[in-house]
Amino acid sequence: RFNPSSAVRFLMKSIKSKFDWFCPTWGDATEDMKKLWFTEFKKYCTWERKYDARIRHIFDIKAEARFRGTMYQVRRNYAKTPDYKPKYIPGPIWNQLIHHWASDRKFKNLSVANIVNRASTQGSSIHTGGSISMGEHERRMVATTGVKPTMEEVFAKCHIRKNKSWVDKRAEEAYGNFKKRKTELFEMSLSQNQDGEGLSCESQYDMPDDMTIWNEVVPKGKKGTLYGLGSIGTKACSKSTIGSCSNVFKETNIEQELVKWKEKAKEQEIINQEQKQKLEQQQKRIESTENMVAALFGKLNMPLPPNFNEQNDIVETSNGHNDDTFGFD
């Protein structure tokens, strides 16, 4: 991605300034055309020469998406107003584009598929961030507050409208599931670490990071992308040319980490169940002892001592003789 993200605004400006060929899609553009557009882009943005190849790669990725969106808007405008024609497209090329959209079978099939995809919620992500990337929103939040926001804070900022409503149900459910799971893991971590006081650090239950939790509870997109996180999700693991895996995932594979947390959660559930059974058995022994003592006092026609139940609880707790019986017939 570009940093600052405002550099993206000059992509289409560069292309529109030299739209001299018939080019209905980015894939139809020749390498010479792309080089010319990239040269125009250099007039608006500057960088060190050592970054040329990397910026060209980002340029191609961003330009393809912007070109597709621009052509889609151009077709919509033409469908609404037959006399419409963009100023930056020469007349002969515009006529070729109109003929292509009306007659090309491959384009028609692709257009129908895209309409279906846009209507689907799977893989798509509605947000309030506009053309600014999630990473740029994160940087601006840091500049404003002086504190790096959490992943959930960035997600909420980009998916909650000014009237405090979520952009759609999917975003609300994703955030809710994340918060619920994070609370569960925190309580589990707190409980197990209290029970395991004095154990080594390796034996303690540690909270997984936010990205791990999000990956567990929120369905992924068709290409395995993390829903709703944009550039924050894509930077979770850097490319091999840049370095090894980002510290977002620590030093372990995320799937292995999830398996570890689930196994620990299952173990903790078994421990909790065993403790519950022990408490129930202990309560039954206490009640049995109380009944036997009460029966003995009844046979002797003696009143029960004051605070009988409290005293019995103290004896049961301090002695720990859970198997004591009174041998009365």
Protein backbone atom coordinates (compact mmCIF):
# COMPACT_ATOMS: atom_id res chain seq x y z
CA ARG A 1 0.00 0.00 0.00
CA PHE A 2 1.03 3.63 -0.43
CA ASN A 3 2.04 5.74 2.53
CA PRO A 4 0.55 8.29 2.66
CA SER A 5 -2.59 6.75 1.21
CA SER A 6 -3.45 10.06 -0.50
CA ALA A 7 -1.05 9.01 -3.27
CA VAL A 8 -3.80 6.71 -4.53
CA ARG A 9 -5.77 9.76 -5.67
CA PHE A 10 -3.23 10.43 -8.40
CA LEU A 11 -3.60 6.99 -9.99
CA MET A 12 -6.65 7.74 -12.13
CA LYS A 13 -5.48 11.30 -12.68
CA SER A 14 -2.37 9.86 -14.32
CA ILE A 15 -4.38 7.40 -16.42
CA LYS A 16 -7.01 9.93 -17.50
CA SER A 17 -4.32 12.33 -18.66
CA LYS A 18 -3.15 9.73 -21.23
CA PHE A 19 -6.24 7.69 -22.12
CA ASP A 20 -5.25 7.39 -25.77
CA TRP A 21 -5.99 3.70 -26.45
CA PHE A 22 -8.97 1.37 -26.50
CA CYS A 23 -8.73 -0.25 -23.09
CA PRO A 24 -11.97 -1.60 -21.53
CA THR A 25 -10.12 -3.32 -18.67
CA TRP A 26 -6.75 -3.03 -16.97
CA GLY A 27 -5.83 -6.44 -18.36
CA ASP A 28 -6.27 -5.09 -21.91
CA ALA A 29 -3.64 -2.41 -21.32
CA THR A 30 -0.25 -3.12 -22.88
CA GLU A 31 2.97 -2.87 -20.90
CA ASP A 32 3.86 0.31 -22.81
CA MET A 33 0.56 1.88 -21.74
CA LYS A 34 1.15 0.98 -18.10
CA LYS A 35 4.70 2.33 -18.22
CA LEU A 36 3.41 5.62 -19.64
CA TRP A 37 0.77 5.90 -16.90
CA PHE A 38 3.38 5.11 -14.26
CA THR A 39 5.60 7.84 -15.71
CA GLU A 40 2.70 10.28 -15.39
CA PHE A 41 2.21 9.13 -11.80
CA LYS A 42 5.81 10.11 -11.05
CA LYS A 43 4.93 13.71 -11.88
CA TYR A 44 2.66 13.84 -8.84
CA CYS A 45 4.57 11.65 -6.39
CA THR A 46 8.27 11.25 -5.66
CA TRP A 47 10.33 8.59 -3.89
CA GLU A 48 13.85 7.22 -3.70
CA ARG A 49 14.91 5.26 -6.79
CA LYS A 50 15.64 2.12 -4.79
CA TYR A 51 11.88 1.76 -4.24
CA ASP A 52 10.97 1.95 -7.95
CA ALA A 53 10.19 -1.76 -8.41
CA ARG A 54 8.20 -2.00 -5.21
CA ILE A 55 6.15 1.12 -5.92
CA ARG A 56 5.51 -0.02 -9.49
CA HIS A 57 4.15 -3.29 -8.10
CA ILE A 58 1.82 -1.42 -5.74
CA PHE A 59 0.87 0.94 -8.57
CA ASP A 60 -0.28 -1.97 -10.75
CA ILE A 61 -2.36 -3.50 -7.96
CA LYS A 62 -4.03 -0.25 -6.95
CA ALA A 63 -4.47 0.98 -10.52
CA GLU A 64 -6.25 -2.22 -11.56
CA ALA A 65 -8.81 -1.79 -8.76
CA ARG A 66 -9.27 1.94 -9.47
CA PHE A 67 -9.54 1.37 -13.22
CA ARG A 68 -12.21 -1.28 -12.71
CA GLY A 69 -14.21 1.00 -10.40
CA THR A 70 -13.92 3.95 -12.77
CA MET A 71 -15.10 1.95 -15.79
CA TYR A 72 -18.02 0.61 -13.75
CA GLN A 73 -19.07 4.16 -12.87
CA VAL A 74 -18.67 5.27 -16.49
CA ARG A 75 -20.97 2.47 -17.68
CA ARG A 76 -23.56 3.36 -15.03
CA ASN A 77 -23.53 7.00 -16.08
CA TYR A 78 -23.91 6.04 -19.74
CA ALA A 79 -26.82 3.70 -18.92
CA LYS A 80 -28.63 6.56 -17.16
CA THR A 81 -27.78 9.20 -19.75
CA PRO A 82 -27.16 7.98 -23.34
CA ASP A 83 -25.53 11.30 -24.25
CA TYR A 84 -22.95 10.94 -21.49
CA LYS A 85 -19.26 10.84 -22.46
CA PRO A 86 -16.24 11.34 -20.18
CA LYS A 87 -14.12 14.32 -21.21
CA TYR A 88 -10.86 12.41 -20.90
CA ILE A 89 -11.86 9.67 -23.39
CA PRO A 90 -11.50 10.61 -27.09
CA GLY A 91 -14.61 10.18 -29.27
CA PRO A 92 -13.37 7.23 -31.41
CA ILE A 93 -12.24 5.29 -28.33
CA TRP A 94 -15.53 6.05 -26.56
CA ASN A 95 -17.49 4.59 -29.49
CA GLN A 96 -15.34 1.46 -29.37
CA LEU A 97 -16.05 1.07 -25.65
CA ILE A 98 -19.81 1.42 -26.17
CA HIS A 99 -19.74 -1.21 -28.91
CA HIS A 100 -17.63 -3.52 -26.72
CA TRP A 101 -19.99 -3.28 -23.74
CA ALA A 102 -23.00 -4.01 -25.94
CA SER A 103 -21.63 -6.88 -28.03
CA ASP A 104 -18.77 -8.69 -26.28
CA ARG A 105 -20.11 -11.98 -24.86
CA LYS A 106 -17.22 -12.48 -22.44
CA PHE A 107 -17.75 -9.01 -21.01
CA LYS A 108 -21.49 -9.60 -20.59
CA ASN A 109 -20.92 -12.86 -18.72
CA LEU A 110 -18.34 -11.22 -16.49
CA SER A 111 -20.65 -8.27 -15.87
CA VAL A 112 -23.48 -10.56 -14.73
CA ALA A 113 -21.10 -12.43 -12.42
CA ASN A 114 -19.90 -9.16 -10.90
CA ILE A 115 -23.47 -8.04 -10.26
CA VAL A 116 -24.12 -11.28 -8.38
CA ASN A 117 -20.89 -10.89 -6.41
CA ARG A 118 -21.72 -7.32 -5.40
CA ALA A 119 -25.12 -8.46 -4.15
CA SER A 120 -23.50 -11.20 -2.07
CA THR A 121 -22.21 -10.55 1.45
CA GLN A 122 -19.54 -13.26 1.26
CA GLY A 123 -16.14 -11.80 0.64
CA SER A 124 -17.41 -8.22 0.53
CA SER A 125 -16.92 -5.67 3.25
CA ILE A 126 -19.06 -2.56 3.72
CA HIS A 127 -17.29 0.13 5.70
CA THR A 128 -17.24 3.87 6.37
CA GLY A 129 -13.55 4.36 5.65
CA GLY A 130 -13.97 5.64 2.10
CA SER A 131 -10.87 5.34 -0.06
CA ILE A 132 -8.58 5.51 2.97
CA SER A 133 -7.07 2.18 3.99
CA MET A 134 -7.52 0.67 7.44
CA GLY A 135 -3.81 1.10 8.01
CA GLU A 136 -4.08 4.83 7.27
CA HIS A 137 -7.02 5.14 9.67
CA GLU A 138 -4.88 3.44 12.29
CA ARG A 139 -2.02 5.90 11.71
CA ARG A 140 -4.37 8.88 11.93
CA MET A 141 -5.81 7.60 15.21
CA VAL A 142 -2.27 7.36 16.57
CA ALA A 143 -1.53 10.91 15.42
CA THR A 144 -4.70 12.19 17.11
CA THR A 145 -4.48 10.38 20.44
CA GLY A 146 -0.79 9.56 20.72
CA VAL A 147 -1.73 5.96 21.50
CA LYS A 148 -1.83 3.03 19.09
CA PRO A 149 -5.46 1.82 18.89
CA THR A 150 -6.41 -1.81 19.29
CA MET A 151 -7.57 -3.80 16.31
CA GLU A 152 -11.19 -3.74 17.55
CA GLU A 153 -11.08 0.06 17.94
CA VAL A 154 -9.99 0.49 14.32
CA PHE A 155 -12.66 -1.96 13.14
CA ALA A 156 -15.37 -0.13 15.11
CA LYS A 157 -14.28 3.26 13.74
CA CYS A 158 -14.50 2.01 10.16
CA HIS A 159 -17.77 0.08 10.54
CA ILE A 160 -19.96 2.28 12.75
CA ARG A 161 -21.84 5.21 11.22
CA LYS A 162 -22.14 8.68 12.73
CA ASN A 163 -25.55 7.72 14.18
CA LYS A 164 -23.80 4.92 16.14
CA SER A 165 -25.35 2.15 14.00
CA TRP A 166 -23.34 -0.62 12.34
CA VAL A 167 -22.91 -0.52 8.57
CA ASP A 168 -24.52 -3.96 8.30
CA LYS A 169 -25.46 -7.03 10.33
CA ARG A 170 -22.32 -8.90 9.32
CA ALA A 171 -20.04 -6.26 10.86
CA GLU A 172 -22.10 -6.17 14.06
CA GLU A 173 -22.06 -9.97 14.42
CA ALA A 174 -18.32 -10.17 13.71
CA TYR A 175 -17.56 -7.58 16.39
CA GLY A 176 -19.95 -9.23 18.86
CA ASN A 177 -18.49 -12.71 18.34
CA PHE A 178 -14.98 -11.33 18.73
CA LYS A 179 -15.78 -9.53 22.00
CA LYS A 180 -17.58 -12.58 23.38
CA ARG A 181 -14.71 -14.95 22.59
CA LYS A 182 -12.11 -12.52 23.92
CA THR A 183 -14.01 -12.26 27.22
CA GLU A 184 -14.24 -16.06 27.47
CA LEU A 185 -10.51 -16.48 26.90
CA PHE A 186 -9.68 -13.71 29.38
CA GLU A 187 -11.79 -15.32 32.12
CA MET A 188 -10.24 -18.70 31.33
CA SER A 189 -6.74 -17.22 31.48
CA LEU A 190 -7.46 -15.45 34.76
CA SER A 191 -8.94 -18.58 36.34
CA GLN A 192 -6.18 -20.95 35.27
CA ASN A 193 -3.36 -18.59 36.16
CA GLN A 194 -4.82 -18.15 39.65
CA ASP A 195 -5.11 -21.92 40.09
CA GLY A 196 -1.59 -22.41 38.72
CA GLU A 197 0.14 -19.84 40.91
CA GLY A 198 3.80 -20.74 41.33
CA LEU A 199 4.02 -22.66 38.05
CA SER A 200 6.61 -21.84 35.41
CA CYS A 201 5.80 -19.31 32.72
CA GLU A 202 5.48 -22.11 30.17
CA SER A 203 2.75 -23.72 32.27
CA GLN A 204 0.69 -20.56 32.56
CA TYR A 205 -2.28 -19.94 30.26
CA ASP A 206 -1.59 -16.87 28.09
CA MET A 207 -4.15 -14.86 26.15
CA PRO A 208 -3.87 -15.16 22.36
CA ASP A 209 -3.51 -11.88 20.47
CA ASP A 210 -6.49 -10.11 18.90
CA MET A 211 -5.63 -11.23 15.37
CA THR A 212 -5.64 -14.87 16.46
CA ILE A 213 -9.04 -14.51 18.14
CA TRP A 214 -10.47 -12.68 15.13
CA ASN A 215 -9.22 -15.40 12.79
CA GLU A 216 -10.93 -18.02 14.96
CA VAL A 217 -14.42 -16.52 15.26
CA VAL A 218 -14.90 -14.46 12.09
CA PRO A 219 -15.47 -16.30 8.77
CA LYS A 220 -12.78 -15.68 6.18
CA GLY A 221 -13.31 -14.40 2.66
CA LYS A 222 -13.14 -16.58 -0.43
CA LYS A 223 -9.38 -16.05 -0.77
CA GLY A 224 -8.66 -16.60 2.92
CA THR A 225 -8.59 -12.89 3.70
CA LEU A 226 -9.56 -11.65 7.15
CA TYR A 227 -12.96 -9.97 6.93
CA GLY A 228 -13.21 -6.31 7.85
CA LEU A 229 -9.53 -5.64 8.56
CA GLY A 230 -8.31 -4.47 5.17
CA SER A 231 -4.63 -3.63 5.13
CA ILE A 232 -4.34 -4.42 8.85
CA GLY A 233 -5.23 -8.03 8.09
CA THR A 234 -3.01 -8.30 5.04
CA LYS A 235 0.03 -7.05 6.94
CA ALA A 236 -0.38 -9.81 9.53
CA CYS A 237 2.18 -11.85 7.67
CA SER A 238 4.74 -10.07 5.51
CA LYS A 239 5.92 -11.26 2.10
CA SER A 240 9.08 -13.30 1.83
CA THR A 241 10.88 -10.37 0.16
CA ILE A 242 10.26 -8.17 3.15
CA GLY A 243 10.94 -10.56 5.98
CA SER A 244 9.57 -13.33 8.12
CA CYS A 245 6.17 -13.53 9.70
CA SER A 246 4.92 -10.38 11.42
CA ASN A 247 4.97 -10.23 15.20
CA VAL A 248 1.18 -10.14 15.06
CA PHE A 249 1.32 -13.93 14.91
CA LYS A 250 4.30 -14.20 17.24
CA GLU A 251 6.54 -17.10 16.20
CA THR A 252 3.96 -19.82 15.63
CA ASN A 253 1.62 -20.66 12.83
CA ILE A 254 -1.83 -19.31 13.54
CA GLU A 255 -3.57 -22.63 12.99
CA GLN A 256 -1.29 -24.34 15.50
CA GLU A 257 -1.90 -21.56 17.98
CA LEU A 258 -5.66 -21.92 17.67
CA VAL A 259 -5.43 -25.67 18.26
CA LYS A 260 -3.41 -25.01 21.41
CA TRP A 261 -5.97 -22.57 22.82
CA LYS A 262 -8.85 -24.93 22.06
CA GLU A 263 -7.08 -27.83 23.76
CA LYS A 264 -6.42 -25.73 26.85
CA ALA A 265 -10.03 -24.59 26.88
CA LYS A 266 -11.17 -28.22 26.77
CA GLU A 267 -8.80 -29.17 29.59
CA GLN A 268 -10.04 -26.29 31.73
CA GLU A 269 -13.64 -27.35 31.10
CA ILE A 270 -12.85 -30.88 32.33
CA ILE A 271 -11.12 -29.48 35.45
CA ASN A 272 -14.10 -27.26 36.21
CA GLN A 273 -16.47 -30.22 35.85
CA GLU A 274 -14.37 -32.36 38.20
CA GLN A 275 -14.27 -29.59 40.80
CA LYS A 276 -18.02 -29.22 40.54
CA GLN A 277 -18.51 -32.96 41.15
CA LYS A 278 -16.17 -32.88 44.17
CA LEU A 279 -18.10 -29.99 45.69
CA GLU A 280 -21.38 -31.81 45.18
CA GLN A 281 -20.01 -34.97 46.84
CA GLN A 282 -18.64 -32.96 49.75
CA GLN A 283 -22.00 -31.25 50.23
CA LYS A 284 -23.74 -34.63 50.31
CA ARG A 285 -21.34 -35.90 53.00
CA ILE A 286 -21.95 -32.79 55.09
CA GLU A 287 -25.71 -33.19 54.81
CA SER A 288 -25.44 -36.89 55.74
CA THR A 289 -23.34 -36.05 58.81
CA GLU A 290 -25.78 -33.35 59.89
CA ASN A 291 -28.69 -35.77 59.59
CA MET A 292 -26.91 -38.40 61.69
CA VAL A 293 -26.02 -35.88 64.43
CA ALA A 294 -29.56 -34.54 64.44
CA ALA A 295 -30.90 -38.11 64.77
CA LEU A 296 -28.55 -38.79 67.70
CA PHE A 297 -29.66 -35.66 69.56
CA GLY A 298 -33.25 -36.64 68.88
CA LYS A 299 -32.80 -40.10 70.45
CA LEU A 300 -31.23 -38.49 73.51
CA ASN A 301 -34.05 -35.95 73.69
CA MET A 302 -31.46 -33.17 73.55
CA PRO A 303 -31.85 -29.89 71.67
CA LEU A 304 -29.44 -29.18 68.84
CA PRO A 305 -26.67 -26.74 69.82
CA PRO A 306 -26.94 -23.16 68.54
CA ASN A 307 -25.43 -22.48 65.12
CA PHE A 308 -25.23 -26.22 64.55
CA ASN A 309 -24.87 -25.96 60.78
CA GLU A 310 -22.09 -23.37 60.96
CA GLN A 311 -20.10 -25.42 63.47
CA ASN A 312 -20.47 -28.50 61.35
CA ASP A 313 -19.18 -26.63 58.32
CA ILE A 314 -16.11 -25.53 60.31
CA VAL A 315 -15.40 -29.06 61.51
CA GLU A 316 -15.82 -30.48 58.03
CA THR A 317 -13.48 -27.90 56.53
CA SER A 318 -10.78 -28.00 59.19
CA ASN A 319 -10.60 -31.76 59.68
CA GLY A 320 -10.85 -32.81 56.08
CA HIS A 321 -12.17 -36.24 57.33
CA ASN A 322 -14.79 -36.59 54.64
CA ASP A 323 -15.26 -40.32 55.31
CA ASP A 324 -16.04 -40.11 59.08
CA THR A 325 -19.15 -42.03 60.24
CA PHE A 326 -20.77 -42.34 63.64
CA GLY A 327 -21.47 -46.09 63.89
CA PHE A 328 -24.97 -45.78 65.33
CA ASP A 329 -27.44 -48.57 64.67
